[in-house]
Structure formats: C-alpha cells, structure tokens
Amino acid sequence: MDSEGWLKTGDLCYFDDDGFLFIVDRLKELIKYKAYQVPPAELEHILVSHPGIADAAVIPYPDEEAGQIPMAFVVRQPGSMLSDEEVMDFVGKQVAPYKRIRRIAFVSSIPKSPAGKILRRELINQALSSPKSKL
C-alpha cells in the first residue's frame, strides 16, 4: 500500500463513470515503443475482431531503434489466407501510429495456461529463436 492507500499490484486499471474498476492489463507486459507504452491486450482485442483471425497474442520484440516493437502471433480462421500486410493494415487503421503491429508470425495455436492466460514467455522465446528474417 502506498501513502494514499492504493494497493500496488502491477495491474493497469481504470474506473468507469459509474465508479466500477476494470483491470485491463499488466504493467510489466506493456511494450515500450520509443517513449510510448503499448498494452498488448488492446492490440489482441483488435486482432481477434477481424473475421479472418481465430486467436492472437502480442509480445514485445527487441528493436535497436525503438527499444521494442509490437509483434503479433496470429491464428488464422480455417480457410483464411490472410496476409501479414492485411493484418498490419487492419490494426493500423484503428490505432495510433506508435501502436501499430510491426512484425507478424502465423501460428497454429497460441500457448495458454490451463486458466486460459497467454504464455507470453513461450512466444517471446519462439520469436527470439527464429531467424532474423521477417516472420
């Protein structure tokens, strides 16, 4: 607890107009793109709203110029031939320029815990072990 009575949990939250508290992400999961903070959950919500995407996860990917860039792991809907450019354009039209997805990997499934939480560490390890070419 801090001096003002707040419990510091590391969660990113907001209060709505009715005074309800909503937990939207973890501070330690924020992507640090240049001087901006990008919440992966916001991008994941946008990604899964696309009719050609079954599931998605966003991780920080190291970048020499920006520090980190948002990288998306995307599971296509069966029969979808969605390209990485289409995914980036779809998200880019809905977010500020600093929140744009800059790297994509298409996968068959997103690793999750038994409780349904995305196992970001596994995705980060997978991304970092891949060749430096565009995924």
N, C-alpha and C. Protein backbone atom coordinates (compact mmCIF):
# COMPACT_ATOMS: atom_id res chain seq x y z
N MET A 1 0.85 -1.18 0.00
CA MET A 1 0.00 0.00 0.00
C MET A 1 0.89 1.24 0.00
N ASP A 2 0.47 2.23 -0.79
CA ASP A 2 1.24 3.47 -0.78
C ASP A 2 0.65 4.43 0.26
N SER A 3 1.22 5.62 0.35
CA SER A 3 0.81 6.59 1.37
C SER A 3 -0.62 7.10 1.18
N GLU A 4 -1.18 6.91 -0.04
CA GLU A 4 -2.55 7.35 -0.31
C GLU A 4 -3.56 6.22 -0.18
N GLY A 5 -3.09 5.03 0.23
CA GLY A 5 -3.99 3.91 0.45
C GLY A 5 -4.21 3.01 -0.76
N TRP A 6 -3.45 3.20 -1.84
CA TRP A 6 -3.58 2.36 -3.02
C TRP A 6 -2.75 1.10 -2.86
N LEU A 7 -3.31 -0.02 -3.24
CA LEU A 7 -2.60 -1.29 -3.27
C LEU A 7 -1.93 -1.41 -4.64
N LYS A 8 -0.61 -1.51 -4.66
CA LYS A 8 0.14 -1.59 -5.91
C LYS A 8 0.29 -3.05 -6.33
N THR A 9 -0.48 -3.42 -7.36
CA THR A 9 -0.49 -4.81 -7.82
C THR A 9 0.28 -5.01 -9.11
N GLY A 10 0.59 -3.91 -9.82
CA GLY A 10 1.23 -4.04 -11.12
C GLY A 10 0.22 -4.17 -12.25
N ASP A 11 -1.07 -3.98 -11.94
CA ASP A 11 -2.11 -4.05 -12.96
C ASP A 11 -2.42 -2.67 -13.51
N LEU A 12 -2.81 -2.62 -14.78
CA LEU A 12 -3.24 -1.39 -15.43
C LEU A 12 -4.76 -1.38 -15.37
N CYS A 13 -5.34 -0.37 -14.71
CA CYS A 13 -6.78 -0.33 -14.45
C CYS A 13 -7.35 1.04 -14.78
N TYR A 14 -8.69 1.08 -14.82
CA TYR A 14 -9.38 2.37 -14.92
C TYR A 14 -10.73 2.25 -14.24
N PHE A 15 -11.27 3.40 -13.82
CA PHE A 15 -12.61 3.49 -13.26
C PHE A 15 -13.53 4.03 -14.34
N ASP A 16 -14.72 3.43 -14.49
CA ASP A 16 -15.68 3.98 -15.44
C ASP A 16 -16.51 5.07 -14.77
N ASP A 17 -17.46 5.63 -15.50
CA ASP A 17 -18.27 6.74 -14.99
C ASP A 17 -19.13 6.34 -13.79
N ASP A 18 -19.40 5.04 -13.65
CA ASP A 18 -20.21 4.56 -12.52
C ASP A 18 -19.35 4.17 -11.32
N GLY A 19 -18.04 4.33 -11.43
CA GLY A 19 -17.15 4.02 -10.32
C GLY A 19 -16.67 2.58 -10.28
N PHE A 20 -16.98 1.79 -11.35
CA PHE A 20 -16.52 0.41 -11.39
C PHE A 20 -15.07 0.36 -11.85
N LEU A 21 -14.29 -0.53 -11.24
CA LEU A 21 -12.88 -0.69 -11.56
C LEU A 21 -12.72 -1.80 -12.59
N PHE A 22 -11.97 -1.52 -13.65
CA PHE A 22 -11.70 -2.51 -14.69
C PHE A 22 -10.20 -2.72 -14.79
N ILE A 23 -9.77 -3.97 -14.70
CA ILE A 23 -8.36 -4.33 -14.87
C ILE A 23 -8.19 -4.72 -16.33
N VAL A 24 -7.30 -4.03 -17.03
CA VAL A 24 -7.17 -4.24 -18.47
C VAL A 24 -5.84 -4.88 -18.90
N ASP A 25 -4.81 -4.80 -18.09
CA ASP A 25 -3.53 -5.38 -18.49
C ASP A 25 -2.57 -5.34 -17.32
N ARG A 26 -1.39 -5.91 -17.51
CA ARG A 26 -0.33 -5.87 -16.51
C ARG A 26 0.70 -4.84 -16.96
N LEU A 27 1.16 -4.01 -16.01
CA LEU A 27 2.16 -3.00 -16.35
C LEU A 27 3.44 -3.63 -16.88
N LYS A 28 3.84 -4.77 -16.32
CA LYS A 28 5.09 -5.38 -16.77
C LYS A 28 4.98 -5.98 -18.16
N GLU A 29 3.76 -6.14 -18.68
CA GLU A 29 3.59 -6.67 -20.02
C GLU A 29 3.53 -5.57 -21.07
N LEU A 30 3.52 -4.31 -20.66
CA LEU A 30 3.46 -3.22 -21.61
C LEU A 30 4.69 -3.24 -22.51
N ILE A 31 4.46 -2.94 -23.79
CA ILE A 31 5.54 -2.85 -24.76
C ILE A 31 6.04 -1.41 -24.74
N LYS A 32 7.34 -1.24 -24.62
CA LYS A 32 7.93 0.10 -24.58
C LYS A 32 8.46 0.45 -25.96
N TYR A 33 7.62 1.13 -26.76
CA TYR A 33 7.99 1.55 -28.10
C TYR A 33 8.40 3.01 -28.05
N LYS A 34 9.69 3.25 -28.24
CA LYS A 34 10.27 4.60 -28.10
C LYS A 34 9.85 5.15 -26.74
N ALA A 35 9.16 6.27 -26.68
CA ALA A 35 8.77 6.84 -25.38
C ALA A 35 7.34 6.45 -25.00
N TYR A 36 6.73 5.57 -25.78
CA TYR A 36 5.33 5.20 -25.58
C TYR A 36 5.19 3.83 -24.95
N GLN A 37 4.07 3.63 -24.27
CA GLN A 37 3.74 2.32 -23.71
C GLN A 37 2.54 1.77 -24.47
N VAL A 38 2.68 0.54 -24.96
CA VAL A 38 1.65 -0.09 -25.77
C VAL A 38 1.12 -1.32 -25.03
N PRO A 39 -0.17 -1.34 -24.68
CA PRO A 39 -0.73 -2.51 -23.99
C PRO A 39 -1.06 -3.63 -24.99
N PRO A 40 -0.45 -4.81 -24.83
CA PRO A 40 -0.73 -5.92 -25.74
C PRO A 40 -2.21 -6.29 -25.79
N ALA A 41 -2.91 -6.24 -24.67
CA ALA A 41 -4.32 -6.64 -24.64
C ALA A 41 -5.17 -5.81 -25.59
N GLU A 42 -4.86 -4.52 -25.71
CA GLU A 42 -5.61 -3.66 -26.64
C GLU A 42 -5.45 -4.14 -28.07
N LEU A 43 -4.23 -4.46 -28.46
CA LEU A 43 -3.97 -4.93 -29.82
C LEU A 43 -4.58 -6.31 -30.05
N GLU A 44 -4.52 -7.17 -29.05
CA GLU A 44 -5.12 -8.50 -29.17
C GLU A 44 -6.62 -8.41 -29.37
N HIS A 45 -7.27 -7.50 -28.66
CA HIS A 45 -8.71 -7.31 -28.80
C HIS A 45 -9.06 -6.89 -30.24
N ILE A 46 -8.27 -6.00 -30.80
CA ILE A 46 -8.49 -5.55 -32.17
C ILE A 46 -8.25 -6.71 -33.14
N LEU A 47 -7.17 -7.44 -32.94
CA LEU A 47 -6.84 -8.55 -33.84
C LEU A 47 -7.95 -9.59 -33.90
N VAL A 48 -8.45 -10.02 -32.75
CA VAL A 48 -9.47 -11.08 -32.75
C VAL A 48 -10.83 -10.58 -33.25
N SER A 49 -10.97 -9.26 -33.45
CA SER A 49 -12.22 -8.74 -34.03
C SER A 49 -12.24 -8.92 -35.55
N HIS A 50 -11.10 -9.27 -36.15
CA HIS A 50 -11.04 -9.50 -37.60
C HIS A 50 -11.67 -10.85 -37.91
N PRO A 51 -12.55 -10.93 -38.90
CA PRO A 51 -13.22 -12.21 -39.19
C PRO A 51 -12.28 -13.32 -39.66
N GLY A 52 -11.10 -12.98 -40.14
CA GLY A 52 -10.15 -13.99 -40.59
C GLY A 52 -9.18 -14.47 -39.52
N ILE A 53 -9.34 -13.95 -38.29
CA ILE A 53 -8.42 -14.31 -37.20
C ILE A 53 -9.17 -15.06 -36.11
N ALA A 54 -8.67 -16.26 -35.78
CA ALA A 54 -9.28 -17.08 -34.73
C ALA A 54 -8.74 -16.73 -33.35
N ASP A 55 -7.46 -16.42 -33.27
CA ASP A 55 -6.83 -16.11 -31.98
C ASP A 55 -5.57 -15.30 -32.25
N ALA A 56 -5.12 -14.57 -31.24
CA ALA A 56 -3.92 -13.75 -31.42
C ALA A 56 -3.30 -13.43 -30.08
N ALA A 57 -2.01 -13.16 -30.12
CA ALA A 57 -1.26 -12.70 -28.94
C ALA A 57 -0.22 -11.71 -29.42
N VAL A 58 0.06 -10.71 -28.59
CA VAL A 58 1.04 -9.68 -28.94
C VAL A 58 2.13 -9.66 -27.87
N ILE A 59 3.37 -9.59 -28.35
CA ILE A 59 4.53 -9.57 -27.44
C ILE A 59 5.45 -8.42 -27.82
N PRO A 60 6.35 -8.04 -26.90
CA PRO A 60 7.39 -7.08 -27.26
C PRO A 60 8.51 -7.80 -28.01
N TYR A 61 8.96 -7.22 -29.11
CA TYR A 61 10.08 -7.77 -29.86
C TYR A 61 11.20 -6.74 -29.86
N PRO A 62 12.43 -7.13 -29.52
CA PRO A 62 13.53 -6.17 -29.43
C PRO A 62 13.79 -5.46 -30.76
N ASP A 63 14.06 -4.16 -30.66
CA ASP A 63 14.36 -3.36 -31.84
C ASP A 63 15.42 -2.34 -31.46
N GLU A 64 16.49 -2.25 -32.26
CA GLU A 64 17.59 -1.34 -31.93
C GLU A 64 17.16 0.11 -31.88
N GLU A 65 16.31 0.54 -32.80
CA GLU A 65 15.89 1.94 -32.88
C GLU A 65 14.80 2.28 -31.87
N ALA A 66 13.80 1.42 -31.73
CA ALA A 66 12.62 1.74 -30.92
C ALA A 66 12.67 1.17 -29.51
N GLY A 67 13.58 0.27 -29.25
CA GLY A 67 13.61 -0.43 -27.96
C GLY A 67 12.84 -1.73 -28.06
N GLN A 68 11.54 -1.62 -28.31
CA GLN A 68 10.68 -2.79 -28.52
C GLN A 68 9.64 -2.40 -29.57
N ILE A 69 9.20 -3.41 -30.34
CA ILE A 69 8.10 -3.20 -31.28
C ILE A 69 7.02 -4.24 -30.98
N PRO A 70 5.76 -3.93 -31.28
CA PRO A 70 4.70 -4.93 -31.11
C PRO A 70 4.80 -6.00 -32.19
N MET A 71 4.85 -7.25 -31.76
CA MET A 71 4.84 -8.40 -32.66
C MET A 71 3.61 -9.23 -32.35
N ALA A 72 2.89 -9.61 -33.40
CA ALA A 72 1.67 -10.40 -33.22
C ALA A 72 1.87 -11.83 -33.69
N PHE A 73 1.39 -12.76 -32.87
CA PHE A 73 1.25 -14.15 -33.27
C PHE A 73 -0.22 -14.33 -33.60
N VAL A 74 -0.50 -14.78 -34.80
CA VAL A 74 -1.88 -14.83 -35.29
C VAL A 74 -2.24 -16.25 -35.72
N VAL A 75 -3.42 -16.70 -35.27
CA VAL A 75 -4.01 -17.96 -35.71
C VAL A 75 -5.11 -17.60 -36.69
N ARG A 76 -4.95 -18.02 -37.95
CA ARG A 76 -5.98 -17.74 -38.95
C ARG A 76 -7.21 -18.62 -38.74
N GLN A 77 -8.36 -18.09 -39.12
CA GLN A 77 -9.58 -18.91 -39.16
C GLN A 77 -9.38 -19.98 -40.23
N PRO A 78 -10.00 -21.16 -40.09
CA PRO A 78 -9.86 -22.19 -41.13
C PRO A 78 -10.26 -21.64 -42.50
N GLY A 79 -9.41 -21.87 -43.48
CA GLY A 79 -9.66 -21.41 -44.84
C GLY A 79 -9.21 -19.99 -45.12
N SER A 80 -8.81 -19.25 -44.10
CA SER A 80 -8.37 -17.87 -44.29
C SER A 80 -6.97 -17.84 -44.90
N MET A 81 -6.78 -16.95 -45.84
CA MET A 81 -5.46 -16.76 -46.46
C MET A 81 -4.93 -15.36 -46.13
N LEU A 82 -5.32 -14.85 -44.99
CA LEU A 82 -4.95 -13.52 -44.52
C LEU A 82 -3.43 -13.34 -44.56
N SER A 83 -2.97 -12.21 -45.11
CA SER A 83 -1.53 -11.95 -45.19
C SER A 83 -1.09 -11.05 -44.04
N ASP A 84 0.22 -10.97 -43.82
CA ASP A 84 0.72 -10.10 -42.76
C ASP A 84 0.42 -8.64 -43.06
N GLU A 85 0.48 -8.24 -44.34
CA GLU A 85 0.16 -6.85 -44.70
C GLU A 85 -1.29 -6.53 -44.36
N GLU A 86 -2.21 -7.46 -44.63
CA GLU A 86 -3.63 -7.23 -44.32
C GLU A 86 -3.84 -7.07 -42.82
N VAL A 87 -3.15 -7.89 -42.02
CA VAL A 87 -3.26 -7.79 -40.57
C VAL A 87 -2.73 -6.45 -40.09
N MET A 88 -1.56 -6.05 -40.55
CA MET A 88 -0.96 -4.78 -40.13
C MET A 88 -1.84 -3.60 -40.54
N ASP A 89 -2.41 -3.64 -41.75
CA ASP A 89 -3.29 -2.56 -42.20
C ASP A 89 -4.56 -2.50 -41.36
N PHE A 90 -5.14 -3.65 -41.04
CA PHE A 90 -6.36 -3.71 -40.24
C PHE A 90 -6.15 -3.05 -38.88
N VAL A 91 -5.06 -3.40 -38.22
CA VAL A 91 -4.78 -2.82 -36.90
C VAL A 91 -4.38 -1.36 -37.05
N GLY A 92 -3.54 -1.05 -38.04
CA GLY A 92 -3.04 0.30 -38.23
C GLY A 92 -4.13 1.34 -38.44
N LYS A 93 -5.25 0.93 -39.01
CA LYS A 93 -6.37 1.86 -39.24
C LYS A 93 -7.13 2.18 -37.95
N GLN A 94 -6.87 1.42 -36.88
CA GLN A 94 -7.64 1.58 -35.65
C GLN A 94 -6.84 2.09 -34.46
N VAL A 95 -5.53 2.25 -34.63
CA VAL A 95 -4.68 2.66 -33.50
C VAL A 95 -3.77 3.82 -33.88
N ALA A 96 -3.21 4.45 -32.87
CA ALA A 96 -2.21 5.49 -33.09
C ALA A 96 -0.99 4.87 -33.77
N PRO A 97 -0.23 5.66 -34.53
CA PRO A 97 0.92 5.12 -35.25
C PRO A 97 1.92 4.34 -34.38
N TYR A 98 2.13 4.77 -33.15
CA TYR A 98 3.10 4.08 -32.30
C TYR A 98 2.60 2.71 -31.82
N LYS A 99 1.31 2.43 -31.96
CA LYS A 99 0.76 1.15 -31.53
C LYS A 99 0.67 0.12 -32.65
N ARG A 100 1.07 0.49 -33.86
CA ARG A 100 0.94 -0.42 -34.99
C ARG A 100 1.74 -1.71 -34.79
N ILE A 101 1.19 -2.80 -35.28
CA ILE A 101 1.90 -4.08 -35.31
C ILE A 101 2.98 -3.96 -36.38
N ARG A 102 4.20 -4.36 -36.04
CA ARG A 102 5.30 -4.22 -36.99
C ARG A 102 5.93 -5.55 -37.40
N ARG A 103 5.47 -6.61 -36.80
CA ARG A 103 6.01 -7.94 -37.11
C ARG A 103 4.89 -8.95 -36.86
N ILE A 104 4.78 -9.96 -37.73
CA ILE A 104 3.71 -10.96 -37.64
C ILE A 104 4.31 -12.35 -37.77
N ALA A 105 3.76 -13.28 -37.02
CA ALA A 105 4.06 -14.70 -37.20
C ALA A 105 2.72 -15.43 -37.18
N PHE A 106 2.45 -16.21 -38.22
CA PHE A 106 1.24 -17.02 -38.26
C PHE A 106 1.55 -18.36 -37.62
N VAL A 107 0.72 -18.77 -36.68
CA VAL A 107 0.92 -20.00 -35.94
C VAL A 107 -0.38 -20.81 -35.91
N SER A 108 -0.26 -22.08 -35.54
CA SER A 108 -1.46 -22.93 -35.48
C SER A 108 -2.23 -22.77 -34.18
N SER A 109 -1.53 -22.33 -33.12
CA SER A 109 -2.22 -22.10 -31.84
C SER A 109 -1.38 -21.16 -30.97
N ILE A 110 -2.07 -20.53 -30.03
CA ILE A 110 -1.43 -19.64 -29.06
C ILE A 110 -1.25 -20.44 -27.77
N PRO A 111 -0.03 -20.54 -27.23
CA PRO A 111 0.16 -21.28 -25.98
C PRO A 111 -0.53 -20.56 -24.81
N LYS A 112 -1.32 -21.34 -24.06
CA LYS A 112 -2.05 -20.76 -22.93
C LYS A 112 -1.95 -21.70 -21.73
N SER A 113 -2.08 -21.11 -20.55
CA SER A 113 -2.11 -21.88 -19.31
C SER A 113 -3.47 -22.57 -19.20
N PRO A 114 -3.61 -23.53 -18.28
CA PRO A 114 -4.92 -24.17 -18.08
C PRO A 114 -6.03 -23.16 -17.77
N ALA A 115 -5.67 -22.01 -17.20
CA ALA A 115 -6.66 -20.97 -16.88
C ALA A 115 -6.96 -20.08 -18.09
N GLY A 116 -6.28 -20.30 -19.22
CA GLY A 116 -6.53 -19.52 -20.43
C GLY A 116 -5.65 -18.30 -20.60
N LYS A 117 -4.67 -18.12 -19.71
CA LYS A 117 -3.77 -16.98 -19.81
C LYS A 117 -2.71 -17.24 -20.89
N ILE A 118 -2.46 -16.25 -21.73
CA ILE A 118 -1.46 -16.38 -22.78
C ILE A 118 -0.08 -16.54 -22.15
N LEU A 119 0.66 -17.53 -22.62
CA LEU A 119 2.02 -17.78 -22.12
C LEU A 119 3.00 -16.97 -22.98
N ARG A 120 3.08 -15.69 -22.67
CA ARG A 120 3.90 -14.77 -23.46
C ARG A 120 5.37 -15.16 -23.49
N ARG A 121 5.88 -15.69 -22.37
CA ARG A 121 7.29 -16.06 -22.30
C ARG A 121 7.61 -17.09 -23.39
N GLU A 122 6.72 -18.05 -23.62
CA GLU A 122 6.94 -19.05 -24.67
C GLU A 122 6.98 -18.40 -26.05
N LEU A 123 6.09 -17.44 -26.27
CA LEU A 123 6.06 -16.74 -27.55
C LEU A 123 7.31 -15.88 -27.74
N ILE A 124 7.75 -15.23 -26.68
CA ILE A 124 8.97 -14.42 -26.76
C ILE A 124 10.16 -15.32 -27.09
N ASN A 125 10.26 -16.45 -26.42
CA ASN A 125 11.36 -17.38 -26.69
C ASN A 125 11.32 -17.87 -28.14
N GLN A 126 10.10 -18.16 -28.63
CA GLN A 126 9.94 -18.62 -30.01
C GLN A 126 10.37 -17.52 -30.99
N ALA A 127 9.97 -16.29 -30.73
CA ALA A 127 10.31 -15.18 -31.61
C ALA A 127 11.80 -14.93 -31.64
N LEU A 128 12.44 -15.00 -30.48
CA LEU A 128 13.88 -14.71 -30.39
C LEU A 128 14.73 -15.84 -30.94
N SER A 129 14.19 -17.05 -31.00
CA SER A 129 14.96 -18.18 -31.53
C SER A 129 14.80 -18.32 -33.05
N SER A 130 13.86 -17.57 -33.64
CA SER A 130 13.64 -17.62 -35.08
C SER A 130 14.72 -16.82 -35.79
N PRO A 131 14.96 -17.14 -37.05
CA PRO A 131 15.93 -16.33 -37.83
C PRO A 131 15.51 -14.87 -37.88
N LYS A 132 16.45 -13.99 -38.11
CA LYS A 132 16.20 -12.56 -38.12
C LYS A 132 15.36 -12.10 -39.31
N SER A 133 15.13 -12.97 -40.29
CA SER A 133 14.31 -12.56 -41.42
C SER A 133 12.89 -12.30 -40.97
N LYS A 134 12.12 -11.61 -41.80
CA LYS A 134 10.74 -11.27 -41.47
C LYS A 134 9.93 -12.54 -41.29
N LEU A 135 9.22 -12.64 -40.19
CA LEU A 135 8.39 -13.82 -39.94
C LEU A 135 7.10 -13.74 -40.70
